[in-house]
Amino acid sequence: MMKPGEYYQRDRRAHPPARTEIYRTSVARSPNYALISLQNSIGEITGPKFGHGDIDPLDRDLIYNYAQQGESAIGERIILHGRILDENGRPVPNTLLEIWQANASGRYRHRNDTYLGAIDPNFGGCGRTLTDENGYYYFRTIKPGAYPFRNNVNSWRPAHVHFSVFGSAFVQRLISQLYFEGDPLIPQCPIIGTLPDPTVVERLTARLDLNATIPLDTVAYRFDIVLRGRRSTLFENRLEGN
């Protein structure tokens, strides 16, 4: 039986152009020259190392990890769970995964966010966890709200959760965001509209998972992250290819 190759050919067609007119911010932010890849040094590749002792169990529970004693975050309670896999479907264990998001009103806990949505004093909007030996992870959180942004006169971001996946060092970091199945704002979003391949949007969509839903408590969504290959998740900081 032959072993699979170490790497698969990148499919650059799945990535949006750096400059896309329908997404106004990209016009000012897009680079004028072709992107280049820099080789990591031995110091960047070998450290720092992450371990289970660095993560508190409450870090993955955004409903309570910022709340005052006896309080909890406000909004629709959800579970986000899934696996981190390589291009051959093998689990990637002991991997640091971080998420950050707006609250149920569509507002971030950030001084520059001036949207009129209410601030939830018991919701910090960020969490982290490590995958287990099967590459599995889960978070408990609040489903984020949609919010407007100044692209066109009536542009709205669908509910979404940002996430980053770390390798063995901080420079080995992949960043993206997930959306929720059935959200009517997904096809209306000009940022999502920059993606040339509709299957990429599917790979960025968390699916309703009633089997993992807790009755009378918490709705679950499943979202698997694939690091490389033609079925890989789109990472916004790796537009030159995963």
C-alpha atoms as a PDB file:
ATOM      1  CA  MET A   1       0.000   0.000   0.000  1.00  0.00           C
ATOM      2  CA  MET A   2       1.462   3.340  -1.053  1.00  0.00           C
ATOM      3  CA  LYS A   3       1.714   6.161   1.443  1.00  0.00           C
ATOM      4  CA  PRO A   4       0.123   9.495   0.509  1.00  0.00           C
ATOM      5  CA  GLY A   5       2.414  12.324  -0.502  1.00  0.00           C
ATOM      6  CA  GLU A   6       3.643  14.756   2.127  1.00  0.00           C
ATOM      7  CA  TYR A   7       1.876  17.699   0.483  1.00  0.00           C
ATOM      8  CA  TYR A   8      -0.960  18.161  -1.974  1.00  0.00           C
ATOM      9  CA  GLN A   9      -1.023  20.748  -4.735  1.00  0.00           C
ATOM     10  CA  ARG A  10      -2.617  24.002  -3.607  1.00  0.00           C
ATOM     11  CA  ASP A  11      -5.780  25.113  -5.349  1.00  0.00           C
ATOM     12  CA  ARG A  12      -5.255  28.863  -5.573  1.00  0.00           C
ATOM     13  CA  ARG A  13      -8.563  29.315  -7.409  1.00  0.00           C
ATOM     14  CA  ALA A  14     -10.434  28.996  -4.103  1.00  0.00           C
ATOM     15  CA  HIS A  15      -8.900  32.187  -2.706  1.00  0.00           C
ATOM     16  CA  PRO A  16     -10.316  35.633  -3.476  1.00  0.00           C
ATOM     17  CA  PRO A  17      -8.160  38.279  -5.147  1.00  0.00           C
ATOM     18  CA  ALA A  18      -6.479  40.604  -2.645  1.00  0.00           C
ATOM     19  CA  ARG A  19      -8.273  43.540  -4.283  1.00  0.00           C
ATOM     20  CA  THR A  20     -12.006  43.044  -4.803  1.00  0.00           C
ATOM     21  CA  GLU A  21     -14.107  46.082  -5.692  1.00  0.00           C
ATOM     22  CA  ILE A  22     -17.321  44.893  -3.989  1.00  0.00           C
ATOM     23  CA  TYR A  23     -15.425  44.790  -0.665  1.00  0.00           C
ATOM     24  CA  ARG A  24     -14.366  48.419  -0.330  1.00  0.00           C
ATOM     25  CA  THR A  25     -11.813  47.928   2.453  1.00  0.00           C
ATOM     26  CA  SER A  26      -9.776  45.576   0.272  1.00  0.00           C
ATOM     27  CA  VAL A  27      -9.096  48.413  -2.184  1.00  0.00           C
ATOM     28  CA  ALA A  28      -7.056  50.332   0.401  1.00  0.00           C
ATOM     29  CA  ARG A  29      -5.561  47.283   2.128  1.00  0.00           C
ATOM     30  CA  SER A  30      -4.565  45.129  -0.827  1.00  0.00           C
ATOM     31  CA  PRO A  31      -0.824  44.800  -1.558  1.00  0.00           C
ATOM     32  CA  ASN A  32       0.664  46.320  -4.683  1.00  0.00           C
ATOM     33  CA  TYR A  33       3.158  43.493  -5.178  1.00  0.00           C
ATOM     34  CA  ALA A  34       2.948  39.708  -5.217  1.00  0.00           C
ATOM     35  CA  LEU A  35       3.034  37.978  -1.834  1.00  0.00           C
ATOM     36  CA  ILE A  36       6.144  36.063  -0.838  1.00  0.00           C
ATOM     37  CA  SER A  37       6.635  33.189   1.602  1.00  0.00           C
ATOM     38  CA  LEU A  38       9.335  33.490   4.254  1.00  0.00           C
ATOM     39  CA  GLN A  39      11.013  30.375   5.615  1.00  0.00           C
ATOM     40  CA  ASN A  40      10.715  29.937   9.393  1.00  0.00           C
ATOM     41  CA  SER A  41      13.896  29.870  11.425  1.00  0.00           C
ATOM     42  CA  ILE A  42      14.657  26.999  13.794  1.00  0.00           C
ATOM     43  CA  GLY A  43      13.728  29.212  16.748  1.00  0.00           C
ATOM     44  CA  GLU A  44      10.311  29.953  15.291  1.00  0.00           C
ATOM     45  CA  ILE A  45       9.610  26.315  14.485  1.00  0.00           C
ATOM     46  CA  THR A  46      10.645  24.840  17.828  1.00  0.00           C
ATOM     47  CA  GLY A  47       8.945  27.136  20.329  1.00  0.00           C
ATOM     48  CA  PRO A  48       7.133  28.076  22.367  1.00  0.00           C
ATOM     49  CA  LYS A  49       5.413  24.784  23.121  1.00  0.00           C
ATOM     50  CA  PHE A  50       1.838  24.572  24.366  1.00  0.00           C
ATOM     51  CA  GLY A  51       0.562  22.073  26.893  1.00  0.00           C
ATOM     52  CA  HIS A  52      -2.674  21.199  28.650  1.00  0.00           C
ATOM     53  CA  GLY A  53      -1.360  22.875  31.783  1.00  0.00           C
ATOM     54  CA  ASP A  54      -1.490  26.236  30.023  1.00  0.00           C
ATOM     55  CA  ILE A  55      -5.256  26.033  29.419  1.00  0.00           C
ATOM     56  CA  ASP A  56      -7.935  26.364  32.089  1.00  0.00           C
ATOM     57  CA  PRO A  57     -11.083  24.242  31.484  1.00  0.00           C
ATOM     58  CA  LEU A  58     -13.186  27.411  31.790  1.00  0.00           C
ATOM     59  CA  ASP A  59     -11.315  29.015  28.876  1.00  0.00           C
ATOM     60  CA  ARG A  60     -13.550  27.170  26.385  1.00  0.00           C
ATOM     61  CA  ASP A  61     -16.800  28.203  28.078  1.00  0.00           C
ATOM     62  CA  LEU A  62     -17.568  31.738  26.899  1.00  0.00           C
ATOM     63  CA  ILE A  63     -20.929  31.665  28.683  1.00  0.00           C
ATOM     64  CA  TYR A  64     -19.156  31.818  32.036  1.00  0.00           C
ATOM     65  CA  ASN A  65     -15.455  32.617  31.555  1.00  0.00           C
ATOM     66  CA  TYR A  66     -16.013  36.396  31.788  1.00  0.00           C
ATOM     67  CA  ALA A  67     -19.146  36.404  33.931  1.00  0.00           C
ATOM     68  CA  GLN A  68     -19.489  37.644  37.489  1.00  0.00           C
ATOM     69  CA  GLN A  69     -20.157  35.108  40.211  1.00  0.00           C
ATOM     70  CA  GLY A  70     -23.650  33.693  39.775  1.00  0.00           C
ATOM     71  CA  GLU A  71     -24.148  35.382  36.371  1.00  0.00           C
ATOM     72  CA  SER A  72     -23.864  34.203  32.758  1.00  0.00           C
ATOM     73  CA  ALA A  73     -23.717  35.697  29.279  1.00  0.00           C
ATOM     74  CA  ILE A  74     -26.990  36.674  27.603  1.00  0.00           C
ATOM     75  CA  GLY A  75     -28.198  35.184  24.335  1.00  0.00           C
ATOM     76  CA  GLU A  76     -28.813  31.922  22.498  1.00  0.00           C
ATOM     77  CA  ARG A  77     -26.571  29.291  24.066  1.00  0.00           C
ATOM     78  CA  ILE A  78     -24.695  27.179  21.548  1.00  0.00           C
ATOM     79  CA  ILE A  79     -22.007  24.514  21.358  1.00  0.00           C
ATOM     80  CA  LEU A  80     -19.344  24.743  18.658  1.00  0.00           C
ATOM     81  CA  HIS A  81     -17.520  21.466  18.194  1.00  0.00           C
ATOM     82  CA  GLY A  82     -15.633  19.432  15.633  1.00  0.00           C
ATOM     83  CA  ARG A  83     -12.216  18.104  14.719  1.00  0.00           C
ATOM     84  CA  ILE A  84      -9.011  19.532  13.292  1.00  0.00           C
ATOM     85  CA  LEU A  85      -7.781  17.264  10.494  1.00  0.00           C
ATOM     86  CA  ASP A  86      -4.890  17.144   8.056  1.00  0.00           C
ATOM     87  CA  GLU A  87      -5.308  16.724   4.286  1.00  0.00           C
ATOM     88  CA  ASN A  88      -5.657  12.951   4.626  1.00  0.00           C
ATOM     89  CA  GLY A  89      -8.370  13.115   7.288  1.00  0.00           C
ATOM     90  CA  ARG A  90      -6.007  12.283  10.147  1.00  0.00           C
ATOM     91  CA  PRO A  91      -6.616  14.031  13.489  1.00  0.00           C
ATOM     92  CA  VAL A  92      -4.277  16.814  14.611  1.00  0.00           C
ATOM     93  CA  PRO A  93      -3.987  16.441  18.407  1.00  0.00           C
ATOM     94  CA  ASN A  94      -2.797  18.891  21.097  1.00  0.00           C
ATOM     95  CA  THR A  95      -3.450  21.903  18.865  1.00  0.00           C
ATOM     96  CA  LEU A  96      -4.257  25.308  20.310  1.00  0.00           C
ATOM     97  CA  LEU A  97      -7.520  26.737  18.938  1.00  0.00           C
ATOM     98  CA  GLU A  98      -8.714  30.239  19.838  1.00  0.00           C
ATOM     99  CA  ILE A  99     -12.015  31.958  19.014  1.00  0.00           C
ATOM    100  CA  TRP A 100     -13.331  35.503  19.357  1.00  0.00           C
ATOM    101  CA  GLN A 101     -16.699  36.997  18.441  1.00  0.00           C
ATOM    102  CA  ALA A 102     -19.352  39.656  18.907  1.00  0.00           C
ATOM    103  CA  ASN A 103     -22.003  39.213  21.571  1.00  0.00           C
ATOM    104  CA  ALA A 104     -25.697  38.435  20.999  1.00  0.00           C
ATOM    105  CA  SER A 105     -26.296  42.095  20.054  1.00  0.00           C
ATOM    106  CA  GLY A 106     -23.607  42.019  17.382  1.00  0.00           C
ATOM    107  CA  ARG A 107     -21.146  44.105  19.383  1.00  0.00           C
ATOM    108  CA  TYR A 108     -17.515  43.353  20.218  1.00  0.00           C
ATOM    109  CA  ARG A 109     -15.987  44.162  23.571  1.00  0.00           C
ATOM    110  CA  HIS A 110     -13.602  46.673  22.038  1.00  0.00           C
ATOM    111  CA  ARG A 111     -13.323  50.409  22.604  1.00  0.00           C
ATOM    112  CA  ASN A 112     -13.405  51.089  18.858  1.00  0.00           C
ATOM    113  CA  ASP A 113     -16.708  49.257  18.357  1.00  0.00           C
ATOM    114  CA  THR A 114     -19.359  51.988  18.398  1.00  0.00           C
ATOM    115  CA  TYR A 115     -22.289  49.930  17.097  1.00  0.00           C
ATOM    116  CA  LEU A 116     -25.474  50.672  19.069  1.00  0.00           C
ATOM    117  CA  GLY A 117     -25.862  47.018  20.117  1.00  0.00           C
ATOM    118  CA  ALA A 118     -25.776  46.567  23.890  1.00  0.00           C
ATOM    119  CA  ILE A 119     -22.645  45.511  25.762  1.00  0.00           C
ATOM    120  CA  ASP A 120     -23.114  42.348  27.820  1.00  0.00           C
ATOM    121  CA  PRO A 121     -21.154  42.862  31.077  1.00  0.00           C
ATOM    122  CA  ASN A 122     -20.856  39.076  31.489  1.00  0.00           C
ATOM    123  CA  PHE A 123     -19.504  38.258  28.024  1.00  0.00           C
ATOM    124  CA  GLY A 124     -15.870  38.735  27.075  1.00  0.00           C
ATOM    125  CA  GLY A 125     -16.142  37.233  23.611  1.00  0.00           C
ATOM    126  CA  CYS A 126     -13.012  35.071  23.482  1.00  0.00           C
ATOM    127  CA  GLY A 127     -11.933  31.567  24.432  1.00  0.00           C
ATOM    128  CA  ARG A 128      -9.328  28.897  23.768  1.00  0.00           C
ATOM    129  CA  THR A 129      -8.852  25.162  24.020  1.00  0.00           C
ATOM    130  CA  LEU A 130      -6.557  22.322  22.975  1.00  0.00           C
ATOM    131  CA  THR A 131      -7.661  19.451  20.748  1.00  0.00           C
ATOM    132  CA  ASP A 132      -7.599  15.998  22.315  1.00  0.00           C
ATOM    133  CA  GLU A 133      -5.854  12.897  20.957  1.00  0.00           C
ATOM    134  CA  ASN A 134      -8.558  12.568  18.265  1.00  0.00           C
ATOM    135  CA  GLY A 135      -8.219  16.175  17.129  1.00  0.00           C
ATOM    136  CA  TYR A 136     -11.574  16.977  18.766  1.00  0.00           C
ATOM    137  CA  TYR A 137     -12.476  20.357  20.284  1.00  0.00           C
ATOM    138  CA  TYR A 138     -15.555  22.069  21.656  1.00  0.00           C
ATOM    139  CA  PHE A 139     -16.650  25.477  22.956  1.00  0.00           C
ATOM    140  CA  ARG A 140     -19.744  26.678  24.737  1.00  0.00           C
ATOM    141  CA  THR A 141     -20.700  30.189  23.772  1.00  0.00           C
ATOM    142  CA  ILE A 142     -23.457  32.600  22.740  1.00  0.00           C
ATOM    143  CA  LYS A 143     -24.545  32.795  19.126  1.00  0.00           C
ATOM    144  CA  PRO A 144     -23.245  36.159  17.879  1.00  0.00           C
ATOM    145  CA  GLY A 145     -25.542  38.757  16.388  1.00  0.00           C
ATOM    146  CA  ALA A 146     -25.262  40.339  12.951  1.00  0.00           C
ATOM    147  CA  TYR A 147     -23.939  43.884  12.677  1.00  0.00           C
ATOM    148  CA  PRO A 148     -23.733  46.598   9.990  1.00  0.00           C
ATOM    149  CA  PHE A 149     -20.505  47.801   8.431  1.00  0.00           C
ATOM    150  CA  ARG A 150     -19.681  50.687   6.104  1.00  0.00           C
ATOM    151  CA  ASN A 151     -19.291  48.960   2.782  1.00  0.00           C
ATOM    152  CA  ASN A 152     -22.501  49.957   1.021  1.00  0.00           C
ATOM    153  CA  VAL A 153     -25.487  51.843   2.372  1.00  0.00           C
ATOM    154  CA  ASN A 154     -27.005  48.664   3.870  1.00  0.00           C
ATOM    155  CA  SER A 155     -24.204  46.102   4.339  1.00  0.00           C
ATOM    156  CA  TRP A 156     -24.412  43.596   7.191  1.00  0.00           C
ATOM    157  CA  ARG A 157     -22.056  40.909   8.421  1.00  0.00           C
ATOM    158  CA  PRO A 158     -23.737  37.546   9.053  1.00  0.00           C
ATOM    159  CA  ALA A 159     -23.324  35.956  12.472  1.00  0.00           C
ATOM    160  CA  HIS A 160     -19.773  34.628  12.572  1.00  0.00           C
ATOM    161  CA  VAL A 161     -17.028  33.453  14.895  1.00  0.00           C
ATOM    162  CA  HIS A 162     -13.351  34.184  14.238  1.00  0.00           C
ATOM    163  CA  PHE A 163     -10.877  31.416  14.976  1.00  0.00           C
ATOM    164  CA  SER A 164      -7.162  30.789  14.828  1.00  0.00           C
ATOM    165  CA  VAL A 165      -5.226  27.530  14.849  1.00  0.00           C
ATOM    166  CA  PHE A 166      -1.664  27.473  16.193  1.00  0.00           C
ATOM    167  CA  GLY A 167       1.086  25.036  15.303  1.00  0.00           C
ATOM    168  CA  SER A 168       4.026  24.531  17.636  1.00  0.00           C
ATOM    169  CA  ALA A 169       4.923  28.250  17.564  1.00  0.00           C
ATOM    170  CA  PHE A 170       3.158  31.624  17.412  1.00  0.00           C
ATOM    171  CA  VAL A 171       4.374  32.231  13.835  1.00  0.00           C
ATOM    172  CA  GLN A 172       2.585  29.037  12.765  1.00  0.00           C
ATOM    173  CA  ARG A 173      -0.888  30.488  12.932  1.00  0.00           C
ATOM    174  CA  LEU A 174      -3.883  30.176  10.608  1.00  0.00           C
ATOM    175  CA  ILE A 175      -6.848  32.567  10.912  1.00  0.00           C
ATOM    176  CA  SER A 176     -10.378  32.371   9.514  1.00  0.00           C
ATOM    177  CA  GLN A 177     -14.037  32.645  10.513  1.00  0.00           C
ATOM    178  CA  LEU A 178     -17.058  30.381  10.476  1.00  0.00           C
ATOM    179  CA  TYR A 179     -20.696  31.094   9.637  1.00  0.00           C
ATOM    180  CA  PHE A 180     -23.924  29.366  10.606  1.00  0.00           C
ATOM    181  CA  GLU A 181     -26.093  27.147   8.441  1.00  0.00           C
ATOM    182  CA  GLY A 182     -29.230  28.826   7.136  1.00  0.00           C
ATOM    183  CA  ASP A 183     -28.207  32.428   7.798  1.00  0.00           C
ATOM    184  CA  PRO A 184     -29.941  34.549   5.098  1.00  0.00           C
ATOM    185  CA  LEU A 185     -27.235  37.214   5.327  1.00  0.00           C
ATOM    186  CA  ILE A 186     -24.510  34.861   4.033  1.00  0.00           C
ATOM    187  CA  PRO A 187     -25.291  35.350   0.308  1.00  0.00           C
ATOM    188  CA  GLN A 188     -25.759  39.099   0.869  1.00  0.00           C
ATOM    189  CA  CYS A 189     -22.374  39.725   2.515  1.00  0.00           C
ATOM    190  CA  PRO A 190     -19.897  41.497   0.185  1.00  0.00           C
ATOM    191  CA  ILE A 191     -16.924  39.964   2.024  1.00  0.00           C
ATOM    192  CA  ILE A 192     -18.211  36.440   1.435  1.00  0.00           C
ATOM    193  CA  GLY A 193     -19.028  37.547  -2.105  1.00  0.00           C
ATOM    194  CA  THR A 194     -15.300  37.904  -2.835  1.00  0.00           C
ATOM    195  CA  LEU A 195     -14.898  34.111  -2.681  1.00  0.00           C
ATOM    196  CA  PRO A 196     -14.799  32.795  -6.257  1.00  0.00           C
ATOM    197  CA  ASP A 197     -15.691  29.201  -5.365  1.00  0.00           C
ATOM    198  CA  PRO A 198     -19.089  28.578  -3.683  1.00  0.00           C
ATOM    199  CA  THR A 199     -17.798  25.327  -2.180  1.00  0.00           C
ATOM    200  CA  VAL A 200     -15.412  27.407  -0.051  1.00  0.00           C
ATOM    201  CA  VAL A 201     -18.419  29.051   1.623  1.00  0.00           C
ATOM    202  CA  GLU A 202     -19.748  25.580   2.404  1.00  0.00           C
ATOM    203  CA  ARG A 203     -16.427  24.714   4.075  1.00  0.00           C
ATOM    204  CA  LEU A 204     -16.741  27.842   6.230  1.00  0.00           C
ATOM    205  CA  THR A 205     -20.269  26.993   7.413  1.00  0.00           C
ATOM    206  CA  ALA A 206     -20.992  25.336  10.764  1.00  0.00           C
ATOM    207  CA  ARG A 207     -23.813  22.786  10.478  1.00  0.00           C
ATOM    208  CA  LEU A 208     -26.679  22.312  12.890  1.00  0.00           C
ATOM    209  CA  ASP A 209     -25.990  19.146  14.912  1.00  0.00           C
ATOM    210  CA  LEU A 210     -29.080  17.965  16.768  1.00  0.00           C
ATOM    211  CA  ASN A 211     -27.281  14.810  17.914  1.00  0.00           C
ATOM    212  CA  ALA A 212     -24.953  16.966  20.042  1.00  0.00           C
ATOM    213  CA  THR A 213     -27.660  19.457  21.063  1.00  0.00           C
ATOM    214  CA  ILE A 214     -28.588  19.443  24.764  1.00  0.00           C
ATOM    215  CA  PRO A 215     -32.413  19.413  25.059  1.00  0.00           C
ATOM    216  CA  LEU A 216     -33.911  22.483  26.751  1.00  0.00           C
ATOM    217  CA  ASP A 217     -30.409  23.944  27.058  1.00  0.00           C
ATOM    218  CA  THR A 218     -27.962  24.411  24.174  1.00  0.00           C
ATOM    219  CA  VAL A 219     -28.078  24.083  20.360  1.00  0.00           C
ATOM    220  CA  ALA A 220     -24.969  22.478  18.817  1.00  0.00           C
ATOM    221  CA  TYR A 221     -23.157  23.249  15.558  1.00  0.00           C
ATOM    222  CA  ARG A 222     -20.496  21.068  13.974  1.00  0.00           C
ATOM    223  CA  PHE A 223     -17.457  22.621  12.291  1.00  0.00           C
ATOM    224  CA  ASP A 224     -14.466  20.560  11.170  1.00  0.00           C
ATOM    225  CA  ILE A 225     -11.248  22.355  10.247  1.00  0.00           C
ATOM    226  CA  VAL A 226      -9.101  20.844   7.482  1.00  0.00           C
ATOM    227  CA  LEU A 227      -5.588  22.275   7.358  1.00  0.00           C
ATOM    228  CA  ARG A 228      -4.476  21.399   3.827  1.00  0.00           C
ATOM    229  CA  GLY A 229      -5.593  19.797   0.585  1.00  0.00           C
ATOM    230  CA  ARG A 230      -8.446  20.492  -1.812  1.00  0.00           C
ATOM    231  CA  ARG A 231     -11.036  20.276   0.976  1.00  0.00           C
ATOM    232  CA  SER A 232      -9.113  22.592   3.282  1.00  0.00           C
ATOM    233  CA  THR A 233     -10.732  25.374   5.280  1.00  0.00           C
ATOM    234  CA  LEU A 234     -10.039  28.861   3.859  1.00  0.00           C
ATOM    235  CA  PHE A 235      -7.598  30.796   6.066  1.00  0.00           C
ATOM    236  CA  GLU A 236      -7.679  34.530   5.480  1.00  0.00           C
ATOM    237  CA  ASN A 237      -4.039  35.130   6.425  1.00  0.00           C
ATOM    238  CA  ARG A 238      -2.798  32.536   3.944  1.00  0.00           C
ATOM    239  CA  LEU A 239      -4.203  33.854   0.678  1.00  0.00           C
ATOM    240  CA  GLU A 240      -1.133  32.589  -1.165  1.00  0.00           C
ATOM    241  CA  GLY A 241      -2.253  29.058  -0.291  1.00  0.00           C
ATOM    242  CA  ASN A 242      -2.450  26.852   2.792  1.00  0.00           C
END
